[in-house]
mmCIF file of all heavy atoms, coordinates in Angstrom:
data_MODEL
# 
_entry.id   MODEL 
# 
loop_
_atom_site.group_PDB 
_atom_site.id 
_atom_site.type_symbol 
_atom_site.label_atom_id 
_atom_site.label_alt_id 
_atom_site.label_comp_id 
_atom_site.label_asym_id 
_atom_site.label_entity_id 
_atom_site.label_seq_id 
_atom_site.pdbx_PDB_ins_code 
_atom_site.Cartn_x 
_atom_site.Cartn_y 
_atom_site.Cartn_z 
_atom_site.occupancy 
_atom_site.B_iso_or_equiv 
_atom_site.pdbx_formal_charge 
_atom_site.auth_seq_id 
_atom_site.auth_comp_id 
_atom_site.auth_asym_id 
_atom_site.auth_atom_id 
_atom_site.pdbx_PDB_model_num 
ATOM 1   N N   . GLY A 1 1  ? -56.160 34.935 1.589  1.00 0.00 ? 1  GLY A N   1 
ATOM 2   C CA  . GLY A 1 1  ? -55.756 33.538 1.630  1.00 0.00 ? 1  GLY A CA  1 
ATOM 3   C C   . GLY A 1 1  ? -54.254 33.326 1.794  1.00 0.00 ? 1  GLY A C   1 
ATOM 4   O O   . GLY A 1 1  ? -53.820 32.186 1.885  1.00 0.00 ? 1  GLY A O   1 
ATOM 5   N N   . ARG A 1 2  ? -53.508 34.408 1.871  1.00 0.00 ? 2  ARG A N   1 
ATOM 6   C CA  . ARG A 1 2  ? -52.054 34.266 1.998  1.00 0.00 ? 2  ARG A CA  1 
ATOM 7   C C   . ARG A 1 2  ? -51.564 34.757 3.339  1.00 0.00 ? 2  ARG A C   1 
ATOM 8   O O   . ARG A 1 2  ? -50.372 35.047 3.538  1.00 0.00 ? 2  ARG A O   1 
ATOM 9   C CB  . ARG A 1 2  ? -51.378 35.092 0.874  1.00 0.00 ? 2  ARG A CB  1 
ATOM 10  C CG  . ARG A 1 2  ? -51.814 34.741 -0.555 1.00 0.00 ? 2  ARG A CG  1 
ATOM 11  C CD  . ARG A 1 2  ? -51.157 33.498 -1.071 1.00 0.00 ? 2  ARG A CD  1 
ATOM 12  N NE  . ARG A 1 2  ? -49.761 33.725 -1.403 1.00 0.00 ? 2  ARG A NE  1 
ATOM 13  C CZ  . ARG A 1 2  ? -49.328 34.256 -2.570 1.00 0.00 ? 2  ARG A CZ  1 
ATOM 14  N NH1 . ARG A 1 2  ? -50.203 34.594 -3.489 1.00 0.00 ? 2  ARG A NH1 1 
ATOM 15  N NH2 . ARG A 1 2  ? -48.029 34.378 -2.792 1.00 0.00 ? 2  ARG A NH2 1 
ATOM 16  N N   . GLU A 1 3  ? -52.488 34.830 4.312  1.00 0.00 ? 3  GLU A N   1 
ATOM 17  C CA  . GLU A 1 3  ? -52.112 35.407 5.603  1.00 0.00 ? 3  GLU A CA  1 
ATOM 18  C C   . GLU A 1 3  ? -51.035 34.634 6.303  1.00 0.00 ? 3  GLU A C   1 
ATOM 19  O O   . GLU A 1 3  ? -50.104 35.234 6.889  1.00 0.00 ? 3  GLU A O   1 
ATOM 20  C CB  . GLU A 1 3  ? -53.369 35.502 6.508  1.00 0.00 ? 3  GLU A CB  1 
ATOM 21  C CG  . GLU A 1 3  ? -54.379 36.545 6.083  1.00 0.00 ? 3  GLU A CG  1 
ATOM 22  C CD  . GLU A 1 3  ? -55.352 36.021 5.032  1.00 0.00 ? 3  GLU A CD  1 
ATOM 23  O OE1 . GLU A 1 3  ? -55.135 34.900 4.489  1.00 0.00 ? 3  GLU A OE1 1 
ATOM 24  O OE2 . GLU A 1 3  ? -56.382 36.688 4.758  1.00 0.00 ? 3  GLU A OE2 1 
ATOM 25  N N   . SER A 1 4  ? -51.069 33.324 6.253  1.00 0.00 ? 4  SER A N   1 
ATOM 26  C CA  . SER A 1 4  ? -50.034 32.499 6.918  1.00 0.00 ? 4  SER A CA  1 
ATOM 27  C C   . SER A 1 4  ? -48.675 32.749 6.270  1.00 0.00 ? 4  SER A C   1 
ATOM 28  O O   . SER A 1 4  ? -47.658 32.898 6.958  1.00 0.00 ? 4  SER A O   1 
ATOM 29  C CB  . SER A 1 4  ? -50.421 31.033 6.854  1.00 0.00 ? 4  SER A CB  1 
ATOM 30  O OG  . SER A 1 4  ? -49.387 30.235 7.426  1.00 0.00 ? 4  SER A OG  1 
ATOM 31  N N   . GLU A 1 5  ? -48.668 32.797 4.934  1.00 0.00 ? 5  GLU A N   1 
ATOM 32  C CA  . GLU A 1 5  ? -47.422 33.062 4.207  1.00 0.00 ? 5  GLU A CA  1 
ATOM 33  C C   . GLU A 1 5  ? -46.886 34.454 4.585  1.00 0.00 ? 5  GLU A C   1 
ATOM 34  O O   . GLU A 1 5  ? -45.659 34.628 4.744  1.00 0.00 ? 5  GLU A O   1 
ATOM 35  C CB  . GLU A 1 5  ? -47.683 32.969 2.713  1.00 0.00 ? 5  GLU A CB  1 
ATOM 36  C CG  . GLU A 1 5  ? -46.436 33.218 1.870  1.00 0.00 ? 5  GLU A CG  1 
ATOM 37  C CD  . GLU A 1 5  ? -46.763 33.212 0.372  1.00 0.00 ? 5  GLU A CD  1 
ATOM 38  O OE1 . GLU A 1 5  ? -47.872 32.800 -0.004 1.00 0.00 ? 5  GLU A OE1 1 
ATOM 39  O OE2 . GLU A 1 5  ? -45.871 33.583 -0.389 1.00 0.00 ? 5  GLU A OE2 1 
ATOM 40  N N   . PHE A 1 6  ? -47.798 35.395 4.718  1.00 0.00 ? 6  PHE A N   1 
ATOM 41  C CA  . PHE A 1 6  ? -47.356 36.765 5.092  1.00 0.00 ? 6  PHE A CA  1 
ATOM 42  C C   . PHE A 1 6  ? -46.712 36.719 6.487  1.00 0.00 ? 6  PHE A C   1 
ATOM 43  O O   . PHE A 1 6  ? -45.687 37.378 6.692  1.00 0.00 ? 6  PHE A O   1 
ATOM 44  C CB  . PHE A 1 6  ? -48.536 37.736 5.082  1.00 0.00 ? 6  PHE A CB  1 
ATOM 45  C CG  . PHE A 1 6  ? -48.143 39.107 5.537  1.00 0.00 ? 6  PHE A CG  1 
ATOM 46  C CD1 . PHE A 1 6  ? -47.472 39.975 4.672  1.00 0.00 ? 6  PHE A CD1 1 
ATOM 47  C CD2 . PHE A 1 6  ? -48.453 39.550 6.806  1.00 0.00 ? 6  PHE A CD2 1 
ATOM 48  C CE1 . PHE A 1 6  ? -47.095 41.236 5.086  1.00 0.00 ? 6  PHE A CE1 1 
ATOM 49  C CE2 . PHE A 1 6  ? -48.082 40.820 7.246  1.00 0.00 ? 6  PHE A CE2 1 
ATOM 50  C CZ  . PHE A 1 6  ? -47.397 41.654 6.362  1.00 0.00 ? 6  PHE A CZ  1 
ATOM 51  N N   . GLN A 1 7  ? -47.320 36.040 7.407  1.00 0.00 ? 7  GLN A N   1 
ATOM 52  C CA  . GLN A 1 7  ? -46.745 36.000 8.756  1.00 0.00 ? 7  GLN A CA  1 
ATOM 53  C C   . GLN A 1 7  ? -45.318 35.376 8.766  1.00 0.00 ? 7  GLN A C   1 
ATOM 54  O O   . GLN A 1 7  ? -44.428 35.861 9.436  1.00 0.00 ? 7  GLN A O   1 
ATOM 55  C CB  . GLN A 1 7  ? -47.665 35.223 9.683  1.00 0.00 ? 7  GLN A CB  1 
ATOM 56  C CG  . GLN A 1 7  ? -48.972 35.949 9.951  1.00 0.00 ? 7  GLN A CG  1 
ATOM 57  C CD  . GLN A 1 7  ? -49.941 35.146 10.832 1.00 0.00 ? 7  GLN A CD  1 
ATOM 58  O OE1 . GLN A 1 7  ? -49.568 34.130 11.404 1.00 0.00 ? 7  GLN A OE1 1 
ATOM 59  N NE2 . GLN A 1 7  ? -51.170 35.633 10.943 1.00 0.00 ? 7  GLN A NE2 1 
ATOM 60  N N   . HIS A 1 8  ? -45.135 34.353 7.944  1.00 0.00 ? 8  HIS A N   1 
ATOM 61  C CA  . HIS A 1 8  ? -43.810 33.781 7.820  1.00 0.00 ? 8  HIS A CA  1 
ATOM 62  C C   . HIS A 1 8  ? -42.838 34.783 7.193  1.00 0.00 ? 8  HIS A C   1 
ATOM 63  O O   . HIS A 1 8  ? -41.630 34.844 7.557  1.00 0.00 ? 8  HIS A O   1 
ATOM 64  C CB  . HIS A 1 8  ? -43.845 32.502 6.996  1.00 0.00 ? 8  HIS A CB  1 
ATOM 65  C CG  . HIS A 1 8  ? -44.466 31.338 7.703  1.00 0.00 ? 8  HIS A CG  1 
ATOM 66  N ND1 . HIS A 1 8  ? -43.962 30.839 8.889  1.00 0.00 ? 8  HIS A ND1 1 
ATOM 67  C CD2 . HIS A 1 8  ? -45.534 30.553 7.404  1.00 0.00 ? 8  HIS A CD2 1 
ATOM 68  C CE1 . HIS A 1 8  ? -44.683 29.824 9.301  1.00 0.00 ? 8  HIS A CE1 1 
ATOM 69  N NE2 . HIS A 1 8  ? -45.665 29.618 8.403  1.00 0.00 ? 8  HIS A NE2 1 
ATOM 70  N N   . SER A 1 9  ? -43.338 35.581 6.243  1.00 0.00 ? 9  SER A N   1 
ATOM 71  C CA  . SER A 1 9  ? -42.458 36.589 5.614  1.00 0.00 ? 9  SER A CA  1 
ATOM 72  C C   . SER A 1 9  ? -42.027 37.650 6.600  1.00 0.00 ? 9  SER A C   1 
ATOM 73  O O   . SER A 1 9  ? -40.911 38.156 6.522  1.00 0.00 ? 9  SER A O   1 
ATOM 74  C CB  . SER A 1 9  ? -43.174 37.192 4.413  1.00 0.00 ? 9  SER A CB  1 
ATOM 75  O OG  . SER A 1 9  ? -44.098 38.190 4.765  1.00 0.00 ? 9  SER A OG  1 
ATOM 76  N N   . VAL A 1 10 ? -42.931 38.005 7.526  1.00 0.00 ? 10 VAL A N   1 
ATOM 77  C CA  . VAL A 1 10 ? -42.583 38.980 8.558  1.00 0.00 ? 10 VAL A CA  1 
ATOM 78  C C   . VAL A 1 10 ? -41.483 38.380 9.452  1.00 0.00 ? 10 VAL A C   1 
ATOM 79  O O   . VAL A 1 10 ? -40.502 39.077 9.770  1.00 0.00 ? 10 VAL A O   1 
ATOM 80  C CB  . VAL A 1 10 ? -43.835 39.323 9.402  1.00 0.00 ? 10 VAL A CB  1 
ATOM 81  C CG1 . VAL A 1 10 ? -43.426 40.166 10.628 1.00 0.00 ? 10 VAL A CG1 1 
ATOM 82  C CG2 . VAL A 1 10 ? -44.852 40.083 8.563  1.00 0.00 ? 10 VAL A CG2 1 
ATOM 83  N N   . GLU A 1 11 ? -41.604 37.149 9.816  1.00 0.00 ? 11 GLU A N   1 
ATOM 84  C CA  . GLU A 1 11 ? -40.631 36.488 10.659 1.00 0.00 ? 11 GLU A CA  1 
ATOM 85  C C   . GLU A 1 11 ? -39.264 36.470 9.999  1.00 0.00 ? 11 GLU A C   1 
ATOM 86  O O   . GLU A 1 11 ? -38.230 36.794 10.606 1.00 0.00 ? 11 GLU A O   1 
ATOM 87  C CB  . GLU A 1 11 ? -41.099 35.065 10.966 1.00 0.00 ? 11 GLU A CB  1 
ATOM 88  C CG  . GLU A 1 11 ? -40.149 34.260 11.851 1.00 0.00 ? 11 GLU A CG  1 
ATOM 89  C CD  . GLU A 1 11 ? -40.652 32.847 12.114 1.00 0.00 ? 11 GLU A CD  1 
ATOM 90  O OE1 . GLU A 1 11 ? -41.859 32.612 11.897 1.00 0.00 ? 11 GLU A OE1 1 
ATOM 91  O OE2 . GLU A 1 11 ? -39.821 31.981 12.507 1.00 0.00 ? 11 GLU A OE2 1 
ATOM 92  N N   . LEU A 1 12 ? -39.222 36.126 8.699  1.00 0.00 ? 12 LEU A N   1 
ATOM 93  C CA  . LEU A 1 12 ? -37.972 36.043 7.967  1.00 0.00 ? 12 LEU A CA  1 
ATOM 94  C C   . LEU A 1 12 ? -37.336 37.429 7.865  1.00 0.00 ? 12 LEU A C   1 
ATOM 95  O O   . LEU A 1 12 ? -36.128 37.598 8.062  1.00 0.00 ? 12 LEU A O   1 
ATOM 96  C CB  . LEU A 1 12 ? -38.203 35.450 6.590  1.00 0.00 ? 12 LEU A CB  1 
ATOM 97  C CG  . LEU A 1 12 ? -36.964 35.374 5.669  1.00 0.00 ? 12 LEU A CG  1 
ATOM 98  C CD1 . LEU A 1 12 ? -35.895 34.485 6.275  1.00 0.00 ? 12 LEU A CD1 1 
ATOM 99  C CD2 . LEU A 1 12 ? -37.378 34.877 4.281  1.00 0.00 ? 12 LEU A CD2 1 
ATOM 100 N N   . ALA A 1 13 ? -38.134 38.458 7.494  1.00 0.00 ? 13 ALA A N   1 
ATOM 101 C CA  . ALA A 1 13 ? -37.604 39.790 7.336  1.00 0.00 ? 13 ALA A CA  1 
ATOM 102 C C   . ALA A 1 13 ? -37.031 40.334 8.654  1.00 0.00 ? 13 ALA A C   1 
ATOM 103 O O   . ALA A 1 13 ? -35.982 40.957 8.673  1.00 0.00 ? 13 ALA A O   1 
ATOM 104 C CB  . ALA A 1 13 ? -38.683 40.708 6.814  1.00 0.00 ? 13 ALA A CB  1 
ATOM 105 N N   . LEU A 1 14 ? -37.733 40.080 9.751  1.00 0.00 ? 14 LEU A N   1 
ATOM 106 C CA  . LEU A 1 14 ? -37.246 40.572 11.026 1.00 0.00 ? 14 LEU A CA  1 
ATOM 107 C C   . LEU A 1 14 ? -35.967 39.841 11.465 1.00 0.00 ? 14 LEU A C   1 
ATOM 108 O O   . LEU A 1 14 ? -35.117 40.426 12.119 1.00 0.00 ? 14 LEU A O   1 
ATOM 109 C CB  . LEU A 1 14 ? -38.348 40.392 12.115 1.00 0.00 ? 14 LEU A CB  1 
ATOM 110 C CG  . LEU A 1 14 ? -39.508 41.347 11.995 1.00 0.00 ? 14 LEU A CG  1 
ATOM 111 C CD1 . LEU A 1 14 ? -40.602 40.987 13.019 1.00 0.00 ? 14 LEU A CD1 1 
ATOM 112 C CD2 . LEU A 1 14 ? -39.060 42.796 12.235 1.00 0.00 ? 14 LEU A CD2 1 
ATOM 113 N N   . GLU A 1 15 ? -35.850 38.589 11.061 1.00 0.00 ? 15 GLU A N   1 
ATOM 114 C CA  . GLU A 1 15 ? -34.630 37.832 11.355 1.00 0.00 ? 15 GLU A CA  1 
ATOM 115 C C   . GLU A 1 15 ? -33.440 38.507 10.653 1.00 0.00 ? 15 GLU A C   1 
ATOM 116 O O   . GLU A 1 15 ? -32.386 38.716 11.264 1.00 0.00 ? 15 GLU A O   1 
ATOM 117 C CB  . GLU A 1 15 ? -34.796 36.395 10.879 1.00 0.00 ? 15 GLU A CB  1 
ATOM 118 C CG  . GLU A 1 15 ? -33.631 35.467 11.131 1.00 0.00 ? 15 GLU A CG  1 
ATOM 119 C CD  . GLU A 1 15 ? -33.872 34.098 10.571 1.00 0.00 ? 15 GLU A CD  1 
ATOM 120 O OE1 . GLU A 1 15 ? -34.962 33.561 10.767 1.00 0.00 ? 15 GLU A OE1 1 
ATOM 121 O OE2 . GLU A 1 15 ? -32.949 33.573 9.892  1.00 0.00 ? 15 GLU A OE2 1 
ATOM 122 N N   . TYR A 1 16 ? -33.622 38.839 9.384  1.00 0.00 ? 16 TYR A N   1 
ATOM 123 C CA  . TYR A 1 16 ? -32.573 39.543 8.629  1.00 0.00 ? 16 TYR A CA  1 
ATOM 124 C C   . TYR A 1 16 ? -32.309 40.906 9.224  1.00 0.00 ? 16 TYR A C   1 
ATOM 125 O O   . TYR A 1 16 ? -31.166 41.362 9.349  1.00 0.00 ? 16 TYR A O   1 
ATOM 126 C CB  . TYR A 1 16 ? -32.934 39.655 7.171  1.00 0.00 ? 16 TYR A CB  1 
ATOM 127 C CG  . TYR A 1 16 ? -32.444 38.523 6.288  1.00 0.00 ? 16 TYR A CG  1 
ATOM 128 C CD1 . TYR A 1 16 ? -33.144 37.318 6.215  1.00 0.00 ? 16 TYR A CD1 1 
ATOM 129 C CD2 . TYR A 1 16 ? -31.289 38.652 5.534  1.00 0.00 ? 16 TYR A CD2 1 
ATOM 130 C CE1 . TYR A 1 16 ? -32.702 36.267 5.415  1.00 0.00 ? 16 TYR A CE1 1 
ATOM 131 C CE2 . TYR A 1 16 ? -30.852 37.614 4.722  1.00 0.00 ? 16 TYR A CE2 1 
ATOM 132 C CZ  . TYR A 1 16 ? -31.544 36.444 4.662  1.00 0.00 ? 16 TYR A CZ  1 
ATOM 133 O OH  . TYR A 1 16 ? -31.087 35.408 3.869  1.00 0.00 ? 16 TYR A OH  1 
ATOM 134 N N   . ALA A 1 17 ? -33.395 41.623 9.526  1.00 0.00 ? 17 ALA A N   1 
ATOM 135 C CA  . ALA A 1 17 ? -33.259 42.996 10.040 1.00 0.00 ? 17 ALA A CA  1 
ATOM 136 C C   . ALA A 1 17 ? -32.469 43.025 11.337 1.00 0.00 ? 17 ALA A C   1 
ATOM 137 O O   . ALA A 1 17 ? -31.572 43.895 11.527 1.00 0.00 ? 17 ALA A O   1 
ATOM 138 C CB  . ALA A 1 17 ? -34.637 43.599 10.262 1.00 0.00 ? 17 ALA A CB  1 
ATOM 139 N N   . GLU A 1 18 ? -32.747 42.096 12.210 1.00 0.00 ? 18 GLU A N   1 
ATOM 140 C CA  . GLU A 1 18 ? -31.993 42.052 13.506 1.00 0.00 ? 18 GLU A CA  1 
ATOM 141 C C   . GLU A 1 18 ? -30.503 41.820 13.246 1.00 0.00 ? 18 GLU A C   1 
ATOM 142 O O   . GLU A 1 18 ? -29.657 42.475 13.830 1.00 0.00 ? 18 GLU A O   1 
ATOM 143 C CB  . GLU A 1 18 ? -32.567 40.965 14.409 1.00 0.00 ? 18 GLU A CB  1 
ATOM 144 C CG  . GLU A 1 18 ? -31.859 40.848 15.735 1.00 0.00 ? 18 GLU A CG  1 
ATOM 145 C CD  . GLU A 1 18 ? -32.420 39.795 16.635 1.00 0.00 ? 18 GLU A CD  1 
ATOM 146 O OE1 . GLU A 1 18 ? -33.230 38.956 16.168 1.00 0.00 ? 18 GLU A OE1 1 
ATOM 147 O OE2 . GLU A 1 18 ? -32.032 39.745 17.827 1.00 0.00 ? 18 GLU A OE2 1 
ATOM 148 N N   . TYR A 1 19 ? -30.202 40.863 12.378 1.00 0.00 ? 19 TYR A N   1 
ATOM 149 C CA  . TYR A 1 19 ? -28.797 40.528 12.146 1.00 0.00 ? 19 TYR A CA  1 
ATOM 150 C C   . TYR A 1 19 ? -28.045 41.652 11.454 1.00 0.00 ? 19 TYR A C   1 
ATOM 151 O O   . TYR A 1 19 ? -26.859 41.879 11.702 1.00 0.00 ? 19 TYR A O   1 
ATOM 152 C CB  . TYR A 1 19 ? -28.708 39.236 11.303 1.00 0.00 ? 19 TYR A CB  1 
ATOM 153 C CG  . TYR A 1 19 ? -27.363 38.568 11.406 1.00 0.00 ? 19 TYR A CG  1 
ATOM 154 C CD1 . TYR A 1 19 ? -27.064 37.681 12.433 1.00 0.00 ? 19 TYR A CD1 1 
ATOM 155 C CD2 . TYR A 1 19 ? -26.362 38.832 10.443 1.00 0.00 ? 19 TYR A CD2 1 
ATOM 156 C CE1 . TYR A 1 19 ? -25.828 37.072 12.539 1.00 0.00 ? 19 TYR A CE1 1 
ATOM 157 C CE2 . TYR A 1 19 ? -25.138 38.215 10.540 1.00 0.00 ? 19 TYR A CE2 1 
ATOM 158 C CZ  . TYR A 1 19 ? -24.855 37.345 11.590 1.00 0.00 ? 19 TYR A CZ  1 
ATOM 159 O OH  . TYR A 1 19 ? -23.631 36.754 11.696 1.00 0.00 ? 19 TYR A OH  1 
ATOM 160 N N   . LEU A 1 20 ? -28.759 42.381 10.569 1.00 0.00 ? 20 LEU A N   1 
ATOM 161 C CA  . LEU A 1 20 ? -28.126 43.427 9.791  1.00 0.00 ? 20 LEU A CA  1 
ATOM 162 C C   . LEU A 1 20 ? -28.197 44.796 10.480 1.00 0.00 ? 20 LEU A C   1 
ATOM 163 O O   . LEU A 1 20 ? -27.645 45.797 9.979  1.00 0.00 ? 20 LEU A O   1 
ATOM 164 C CB  . LEU A 1 20 ? -28.733 43.528 8.416  1.00 0.00 ? 20 LEU A CB  1 
ATOM 165 C CG  . LEU A 1 20 ? -28.680 42.255 7.549  1.00 0.00 ? 20 LEU A CG  1 
ATOM 166 C CD1 . LEU A 1 20 ? -29.319 42.508 6.171  1.00 0.00 ? 20 LEU A CD1 1 
ATOM 167 C CD2 . LEU A 1 20 ? -27.224 41.811 7.362  1.00 0.00 ? 20 LEU A CD2 1 
ATOM 168 N N   . GLY A 1 21 ? -28.902 44.861 11.601 1.00 0.00 ? 21 GLY A N   1 
ATOM 169 C CA  . GLY A 1 21 ? -29.040 46.143 12.295 1.00 0.00 ? 21 GLY A CA  1 
ATOM 170 C C   . GLY A 1 21 ? -29.918 47.104 11.548 1.00 0.00 ? 21 GLY A C   1 
ATOM 171 O O   . GLY A 1 21 ? -29.777 48.323 11.649 1.00 0.00 ? 21 GLY A O   1 
ATOM 172 N N   . CYS A 1 22 ? -30.878 46.591 10.797 1.00 0.00 ? 22 CYS A N   1 
ATOM 173 C CA  . CYS A 1 22 ? -31.767 47.412 9.960  1.00 0.00 ? 22 CYS A CA  1 
ATOM 174 C C   . CYS A 1 22 ? -33.021 47.775 10.758 1.00 0.00 ? 22 CYS A C   1 
ATOM 175 O O   . CYS A 1 22 ? -33.703 46.875 11.276 1.00 0.00 ? 22 CYS A O   1 
ATOM 176 C CB  . CYS A 1 22 ? -32.148 46.657 8.677  1.00 0.00 ? 22 CYS A CB  1 
ATOM 177 S SG  . CYS A 1 22 ? -33.157 47.590 7.538  1.00 0.00 ? 22 CYS A SG  1 
ATOM 178 N N   . LYS A 1 23 ? -33.368 49.045 10.778 1.00 0.00 ? 23 LYS A N   1 
ATOM 179 C CA  . LYS A 1 23 ? -34.464 49.531 11.621 1.00 0.00 ? 23 LYS A CA  1 
ATOM 180 C C   . LYS A 1 23 ? -35.705 49.870 10.835 1.00 0.00 ? 23 LYS A C   1 
ATOM 181 O O   . LYS A 1 23 ? -36.707 50.329 11.408 1.00 0.00 ? 23 LYS A O   1 
ATOM 182 C CB  . LYS A 1 23 ? -34.024 50.777 12.427 1.00 0.00 ? 23 LYS A CB  1 
ATOM 183 C CG  . LYS A 1 23 ? -32.892 50.490 13.416 1.00 0.00 ? 23 LYS A CG  1 
ATOM 184 C CD  . LYS A 1 23 ? -33.313 49.445 14.422 1.00 0.00 ? 23 LYS A CD  1 
ATOM 185 C CE  . LYS A 1 23 ? -32.207 49.197 15.466 1.00 0.00 ? 23 LYS A CE  1 
ATOM 186 N NZ  . LYS A 1 23 ? -32.618 48.138 16.440 1.00 0.00 ? 23 LYS A NZ  1 
ATOM 187 N N   . ARG A 1 24 ? -35.673 49.640 9.499  1.00 0.00 ? 24 ARG A N   1 
ATOM 188 C CA  . ARG A 1 24 ? -36.848 49.952 8.674  1.00 0.00 ? 24 ARG A CA  1 
ATOM 189 C C   . ARG A 1 24 ? -37.090 48.838 7.693  1.00 0.00 ? 24 ARG A C   1 
ATOM 190 O O   . ARG A 1 24 ? -36.152 48.383 7.031  1.00 0.00 ? 24 ARG A O   1 
ATOM 191 C CB  . ARG A 1 24 ? -36.647 51.255 7.892  1.00 0.00 ? 24 ARG A CB  1 
ATOM 192 C CG  . ARG A 1 24 ? -36.432 52.508 8.736  1.00 0.00 ? 24 ARG A CG  1 
ATOM 193 C CD  . ARG A 1 24 ? -35.945 53.660 7.911  1.00 0.00 ? 24 ARG A CD  1 
ATOM 194 N NE  . ARG A 1 24 ? -35.440 54.749 8.723  1.00 0.00 ? 24 ARG A NE  1 
ATOM 195 C CZ  . ARG A 1 24 ? -34.248 54.796 9.293  1.00 0.00 ? 24 ARG A CZ  1 
ATOM 196 N NH1 . ARG A 1 24 ? -33.415 53.786 9.140  1.00 0.00 ? 24 ARG A NH1 1 
ATOM 197 N NH2 . ARG A 1 24 ? -33.879 55.825 10.024 1.00 0.00 ? 24 ARG A NH2 1 
ATOM 198 N N   . LEU A 1 25 ? -38.340 48.406 7.553  1.00 0.00 ? 25 LEU A N   1 
ATOM 199 C CA  . LEU A 1 25 ? -38.732 47.412 6.587  1.00 0.00 ? 25 LEU A CA  1 
ATOM 200 C C   . LEU A 1 25 ? -39.945 47.909 5.816  1.00 0.00 ? 25 LEU A C   1 
ATOM 201 O O   . LEU A 1 25 ? -40.901 48.465 6.387  1.00 0.00 ? 25 LEU A O   1 
ATOM 202 C CB  . LEU A 1 25 ? -39.115 46.102 7.280  1.00 0.00 ? 25 LEU A CB  1 
ATOM 203 C CG  . LEU A 1 25 ? -37.987 45.334 8.002  1.00 0.00 ? 25 LEU A CG  1 
ATOM 204 C CD1 . LEU A 1 25 ? -38.593 44.153 8.762  1.00 0.00 ? 25 LEU A CD1 1 
ATOM 205 C CD2 . LEU A 1 25 ? -36.944 44.860 7.003  1.00 0.00 ? 25 LEU A CD2 1 
ATOM 206 N N   . HIS A 1 26 ? -39.900 47.736 4.483  1.00 0.00 ? 26 HIS A N   1 
ATOM 207 C CA  . HIS A 1 26 ? -41.007 48.124 3.639  1.00 0.00 ? 26 HIS A CA  1 
ATOM 208 C C   . HIS A 1 26 ? -41.912 46.917 3.432  1.00 0.00 ? 26 HIS A C   1 
ATOM 209 O O   . HIS A 1 26 ? -41.473 45.861 2.974  1.00 0.00 ? 26 HIS A O   1 
ATOM 210 C CB  . HIS A 1 26 ? -40.476 48.643 2.300  1.00 0.00 ? 26 HIS A CB  1 
ATOM 211 C CG  . HIS A 1 26 ? -41.536 48.873 1.272  1.00 0.00 ? 26 HIS A CG  1 
ATOM 212 N ND1 . HIS A 1 26 ? -41.335 48.703 -0.071 1.00 0.00 ? 26 HIS A ND1 1 
ATOM 213 C CD2 . HIS A 1 26 ? -42.845 49.263 1.406  1.00 0.00 ? 26 HIS A CD2 1 
ATOM 214 C CE1 . HIS A 1 26 ? -42.429 49.001 -0.732 1.00 0.00 ? 26 HIS A CE1 1 
ATOM 215 N NE2 . HIS A 1 26 ? -43.369 49.315 0.154  1.00 0.00 ? 26 HIS A NE2 1 
# 
């Protein structure tokens, strides 16, 4: 039931990862 929230969390994490040059996310 939290799939939509999870998808938004992926989007947010990738946004940070791109800006910080981070190549790994847990």
